[in-house]
Amino acid sequence: MGKRNDNKKWTQPGGHLDKGECPYAGAIRELKEETGLDATDTKLVKVCKNGPIMIYVFEMKVDCDQEIDVSLDPDKECDAWEYTDPNEVREELHVPLEDNAVLKYWLDN
């Protein structure tokens, strides 16, 4: 997870699809842009809807020898990424747990 630069709240890598982009490609692109990491395995684990927005949750594996590099992120959303237990930062989440499909999936598995 990373602390966002705009509100200092915790978030996980993710974002919006480009026009015409498939969800798999978008997830791989967002991971690369925000963290500099290349996914070695990408698996769609959940699809849900939040109003008019479709949310695709992916489980992604990365080679642990890769180094995090935030310099490619066009939004400069986070300055660093680290393992953070969401249970320890529940009150500091950018998307509250009750609305956070990614963290709900992670906590249930």
C-alpha atoms as a PDB file:
ATOM      1  CA  MET A   1       0.000   0.000   0.000  1.00  0.00           C
ATOM      2  CA  GLY A   2       1.052   3.611  -0.350  1.00  0.00           C
ATOM      3  CA  LYS A   3       0.158   6.904   1.288  1.00  0.00           C
ATOM      4  CA  ARG A   4      -1.401   9.234  -1.247  1.00  0.00           C
ATOM      5  CA  ASN A   5       0.266  12.589  -1.735  1.00  0.00           C
ATOM      6  CA  ASP A   6      -3.046  14.492  -1.954  1.00  0.00           C
ATOM      7  CA  ASN A   7      -4.679  13.395   1.316  1.00  0.00           C
ATOM      8  CA  LYS A   8      -2.031  11.258   3.094  1.00  0.00           C
ATOM      9  CA  LYS A   9      -4.433   8.290   3.235  1.00  0.00           C
ATOM     10  CA  TRP A  10      -3.502   4.686   2.438  1.00  0.00           C
ATOM     11  CA  THR A  11      -4.375   3.159  -0.934  1.00  0.00           C
ATOM     12  CA  GLN A  12      -3.455   0.203  -3.097  1.00  0.00           C
ATOM     13  CA  PRO A  13      -2.280   0.346  -6.727  1.00  0.00           C
ATOM     14  CA  GLY A  14      -5.126   0.745  -9.186  1.00  0.00           C
ATOM     15  CA  GLY A  15      -6.889   3.180 -11.419  1.00  0.00           C
ATOM     16  CA  HIS A  16      -9.150   3.743 -14.389  1.00  0.00           C
ATOM     17  CA  LEU A  17      -9.091   2.027 -17.758  1.00  0.00           C
ATOM     18  CA  ASP A  18      -8.084   3.966 -20.831  1.00  0.00           C
ATOM     19  CA  LYS A  19     -10.764   4.154 -23.528  1.00  0.00           C
ATOM     20  CA  GLY A  20     -11.051   0.746 -25.205  1.00  0.00           C
ATOM     21  CA  GLU A  21      -8.553  -0.877 -22.806  1.00  0.00           C
ATOM     22  CA  CYS A  22      -9.305  -4.364 -21.519  1.00  0.00           C
ATOM     23  CA  PRO A  23      -9.349  -4.772 -17.719  1.00  0.00           C
ATOM     24  CA  TYR A  24      -6.346  -7.157 -17.713  1.00  0.00           C
ATOM     25  CA  ALA A  25      -4.195  -4.743 -19.703  1.00  0.00           C
ATOM     26  CA  GLY A  26      -5.345  -1.839 -17.537  1.00  0.00           C
ATOM     27  CA  ALA A  27      -4.446  -3.646 -14.314  1.00  0.00           C
ATOM     28  CA  ILE A  28      -0.993  -4.556 -15.613  1.00  0.00           C
ATOM     29  CA  ARG A  29      -0.430  -0.979 -16.872  1.00  0.00           C
ATOM     30  CA  GLU A  30      -1.566   0.612 -13.589  1.00  0.00           C
ATOM     31  CA  LEU A  31       0.677  -1.667 -11.529  1.00  0.00           C
ATOM     32  CA  LYS A  32       3.652  -0.788 -13.756  1.00  0.00           C
ATOM     33  CA  GLU A  33       2.898   2.959 -13.788  1.00  0.00           C
ATOM     34  CA  GLU A  34       2.343   3.300 -10.061  1.00  0.00           C
ATOM     35  CA  THR A  35       4.956   0.882  -8.686  1.00  0.00           C
ATOM     36  CA  GLY A  36       7.364   0.107 -11.531  1.00  0.00           C
ATOM     37  CA  LEU A  37       6.638  -3.602 -10.984  1.00  0.00           C
ATOM     38  CA  ASP A  38       5.910  -6.087 -13.771  1.00  0.00           C
ATOM     39  CA  ALA A  39       3.245  -8.681 -13.030  1.00  0.00           C
ATOM     40  CA  THR A  40       4.351 -12.287 -13.547  1.00  0.00           C
ATOM     41  CA  ASP A  41       0.815 -13.640 -13.103  1.00  0.00           C
ATOM     42  CA  THR A  42      -2.522 -11.805 -13.280  1.00  0.00           C
ATOM     43  CA  LYS A  43      -5.807 -13.372 -12.221  1.00  0.00           C
ATOM     44  CA  LEU A  44      -9.232 -11.728 -12.200  1.00  0.00           C
ATOM     45  CA  VAL A  45     -10.772 -12.611  -8.823  1.00  0.00           C
ATOM     46  CA  LYS A  46     -13.846 -10.391  -8.516  1.00  0.00           C
ATOM     47  CA  VAL A  47     -16.059  -8.060 -10.527  1.00  0.00           C
ATOM     48  CA  CYS A  48     -18.534  -5.752  -8.835  1.00  0.00           C
ATOM     49  CA  LYS A  49     -20.391  -2.549  -9.544  1.00  0.00           C
ATOM     50  CA  ASN A  50     -20.353   0.726  -7.628  1.00  0.00           C
ATOM     51  CA  GLY A  51     -23.138   2.809  -9.151  1.00  0.00           C
ATOM     52  CA  PRO A  52     -22.289   3.135 -12.850  1.00  0.00           C
ATOM     53  CA  ILE A  53     -18.653   2.049 -12.306  1.00  0.00           C
ATOM     54  CA  MET A  54     -17.469  -1.530 -12.851  1.00  0.00           C
ATOM     55  CA  ILE A  55     -14.712  -2.594 -10.454  1.00  0.00           C
ATOM     56  CA  TYR A  56     -12.339  -5.368 -11.496  1.00  0.00           C
ATOM     57  CA  VAL A  57     -10.246  -6.886  -8.708  1.00  0.00           C
ATOM     58  CA  PHE A  58      -7.082  -8.693  -9.733  1.00  0.00           C
ATOM     59  CA  GLU A  59      -4.659 -10.819  -7.808  1.00  0.00           C
ATOM     60  CA  MET A  60      -1.217 -10.145  -9.230  1.00  0.00           C
ATOM     61  CA  LYS A  61       2.111 -11.779  -8.537  1.00  0.00           C
ATOM     62  CA  VAL A  62       5.446 -10.053  -8.989  1.00  0.00           C
ATOM     63  CA  ASP A  63       9.039 -11.217  -8.843  1.00  0.00           C
ATOM     64  CA  CYS A  64      10.283 -10.225  -5.387  1.00  0.00           C
ATOM     65  CA  ASP A  65      13.679  -9.267  -6.844  1.00  0.00           C
ATOM     66  CA  GLN A  66      12.126  -6.291  -8.658  1.00  0.00           C
ATOM     67  CA  GLU A  67      12.572  -2.860  -7.146  1.00  0.00           C
ATOM     68  CA  ILE A  68       9.742  -0.412  -6.662  1.00  0.00           C
ATOM     69  CA  ASP A  69      10.068   2.656  -8.880  1.00  0.00           C
ATOM     70  CA  VAL A  70       7.417   5.378  -8.617  1.00  0.00           C
ATOM     71  CA  SER A  71       9.052   7.628 -11.244  1.00  0.00           C
ATOM     72  CA  LEU A  72       6.800   6.310 -14.061  1.00  0.00           C
ATOM     73  CA  ASP A  73       3.537   7.346 -12.368  1.00  0.00           C
ATOM     74  CA  PRO A  74       2.087  10.251 -14.376  1.00  0.00           C
ATOM     75  CA  ASP A  75      -0.168  11.178 -11.428  1.00  0.00           C
ATOM     76  CA  LYS A  76       2.597  11.026  -8.782  1.00  0.00           C
ATOM     77  CA  GLU A  77      -0.046   9.503  -6.514  1.00  0.00           C
ATOM     78  CA  CYS A  78       2.322   7.928  -3.961  1.00  0.00           C
ATOM     79  CA  ASP A  79       6.006   8.485  -3.202  1.00  0.00           C
ATOM     80  CA  ALA A  80       6.506   4.931  -1.912  1.00  0.00           C
ATOM     81  CA  TRP A  81       4.802   1.548  -1.655  1.00  0.00           C
ATOM     82  CA  GLU A  82       5.185  -0.945   1.191  1.00  0.00           C
ATOM     83  CA  TYR A  83       3.475  -3.907   2.782  1.00  0.00           C
ATOM     84  CA  THR A  84       0.923  -2.492   5.192  1.00  0.00           C
ATOM     85  CA  ASP A  85      -1.725  -4.519   6.965  1.00  0.00           C
ATOM     86  CA  PRO A  86      -5.049  -2.778   6.152  1.00  0.00           C
ATOM     87  CA  ASN A  87      -6.336  -3.791   9.577  1.00  0.00           C
ATOM     88  CA  GLU A  88      -3.764  -1.475  11.141  1.00  0.00           C
ATOM     89  CA  VAL A  89      -4.767   1.566   9.046  1.00  0.00           C
ATOM     90  CA  ARG A  90      -8.558   1.122   8.758  1.00  0.00           C
ATOM     91  CA  GLU A  91      -9.240   4.698   9.819  1.00  0.00           C
ATOM     92  CA  GLU A  92      -6.666   6.053   7.346  1.00  0.00           C
ATOM     93  CA  LEU A  93      -7.857   4.415   4.089  1.00  0.00           C
ATOM     94  CA  HIS A  94      -8.483   6.519   0.971  1.00  0.00           C
ATOM     95  CA  VAL A  95     -11.445   4.285   0.085  1.00  0.00           C
ATOM     96  CA  PRO A  96     -13.175   3.206   3.317  1.00  0.00           C
ATOM     97  CA  LEU A  97     -13.129  -0.529   3.942  1.00  0.00           C
ATOM     98  CA  GLU A  98     -16.900  -0.888   3.502  1.00  0.00           C
ATOM     99  CA  ASP A  99     -16.531   0.465  -0.076  1.00  0.00           C
ATOM    100  CA  ASN A 100     -13.129  -1.063  -0.894  1.00  0.00           C
ATOM    101  CA  ALA A 101     -13.621  -4.171  -3.070  1.00  0.00           C
ATOM    102  CA  VAL A 102      -9.881  -4.914  -3.193  1.00  0.00           C
ATOM    103  CA  LEU A 103      -9.341  -4.902   0.548  1.00  0.00           C
ATOM    104  CA  LYS A 104     -12.582  -6.795   1.213  1.00  0.00           C
ATOM    105  CA  TYR A 105     -11.316  -9.525  -1.122  1.00  0.00           C
ATOM    106  CA  TRP A 106      -7.869  -9.523   0.531  1.00  0.00           C
ATOM    107  CA  LEU A 107      -9.321  -9.756   4.042  1.00  0.00           C
ATOM    108  CA  ASP A 108     -11.641 -12.615   3.055  1.00  0.00           C
ATOM    109  CA  ASN A 109      -8.844 -14.729   1.513  1.00  0.00           C
END
